[in-house]
Protein backbone atom coordinates (compact mmCIF):
# COMPACT_ATOMS: atom_id res chain seq x y z
CA MET A 1 -4.06 13.04 -14.63
CA LYS A 2 -6.82 15.01 -12.66
CA GLU A 3 -9.57 13.19 -14.66
CA VAL A 4 -8.26 9.78 -13.71
CA GLU A 5 -7.95 10.84 -10.02
CA ARG A 6 -11.46 12.21 -10.06
CA LYS A 7 -12.79 8.84 -11.37
CA LEU A 8 -10.96 6.85 -8.91
CA GLU A 9 -12.18 9.00 -6.09
CA SER A 10 -15.66 8.57 -7.26
CA VAL A 11 -15.34 4.95 -7.68
CA HIS A 12 -13.69 4.80 -4.19
CA LYS A 13 -16.60 6.51 -2.53
CA GLU A 14 -19.06 4.08 -4.10
CA ARG A 15 -17.05 1.08 -3.16
CA GLN A 16 -16.81 2.27 0.52
CA SER A 17 -20.50 2.77 0.60
CA VAL A 18 -21.13 -0.84 -0.84
CA ILE A 19 -18.44 -2.36 1.62
CA GLU A 20 -20.11 -0.67 4.64
CA ASP A 21 -23.59 -1.92 3.58
CA LEU A 22 -22.38 -5.35 3.21
CA ARG A 23 -20.67 -5.16 6.67
CA ASN A 24 -23.92 -4.02 8.23
CA ILE A 25 -25.70 -6.92 6.39
CA VAL A 26 -23.30 -9.62 7.75
CA LYS A 27 -23.36 -8.13 11.34
CA GLY A 28 -27.20 -8.04 11.21
CA SER A 29 -27.64 -11.53 9.81
CA TYR A 30 -25.52 -13.19 12.48
CA GLN A 31 -26.62 -11.19 15.58
CA LYS A 32 -29.12 -13.83 16.64
CA GLY A 33 -27.39 -17.13 17.56
CA TYR A 34 -23.76 -15.81 17.12
CA ASN A 35 -21.66 -13.64 19.17
CA SER A 36 -21.88 -10.76 16.72
CA LEU A 37 -18.52 -9.34 17.90
CA SER A 38 -16.73 -12.38 16.43
CA VAL A 39 -18.37 -12.17 13.02
CA ASN A 40 -16.83 -9.60 10.68
CA THR A 41 -15.67 -8.88 7.14
CA ARG A 42 -12.08 -8.53 6.13
CA MET A 43 -10.87 -6.75 2.96
CA TYR A 44 -8.12 -8.10 1.01
CA GLY A 45 -6.45 -7.60 -2.57
CA SER A 46 -5.87 -4.36 -4.37
CA MET A 47 -8.57 -2.35 -2.44
CA ALA A 48 -6.93 -3.24 0.96
CA SER A 49 -3.43 -2.60 -0.44
CA GLY A 50 -4.59 0.69 -2.03
CA LEU A 51 -3.53 -0.38 -5.51
CA ALA A 52 -7.20 -0.63 -6.81
CA ILE A 53 -7.91 0.97 -10.21
CA GLU A 54 -11.20 1.91 -11.74
CA GLN A 55 -12.02 -1.67 -13.02
CA SER A 56 -10.83 -3.51 -9.83
CA ASP A 57 -13.17 -5.68 -7.97
CA VAL A 58 -13.52 -5.76 -4.17
CA ASP A 59 -12.36 -8.77 -2.16
CA LEU A 60 -14.17 -9.46 1.10
CA ALA A 61 -14.16 -12.42 3.24
CA VAL A 62 -16.63 -13.16 6.18
CA VAL A 63 -14.59 -14.28 9.22
CA GLY A 64 -15.58 -15.46 12.64
CA LEU A 65 -18.27 -17.98 11.73
CA ASP A 66 -18.40 -21.17 13.81
CA PHE A 67 -19.41 -24.07 11.59
């Protein structure tokens, strides 16, 4: 059980780092010409619910764009 927990913690840290990078990219890309406070990312799925396993993907949506 400890080995599984260690792997999940390692994957979780990597995922959080990538999610933060993507959020910064989204914010930076839309600062010009958009109200950057309204553009954001939302996580959903197993990561958001805390049910992610080592093989789970990360579901993110970009919200607040005005088309």
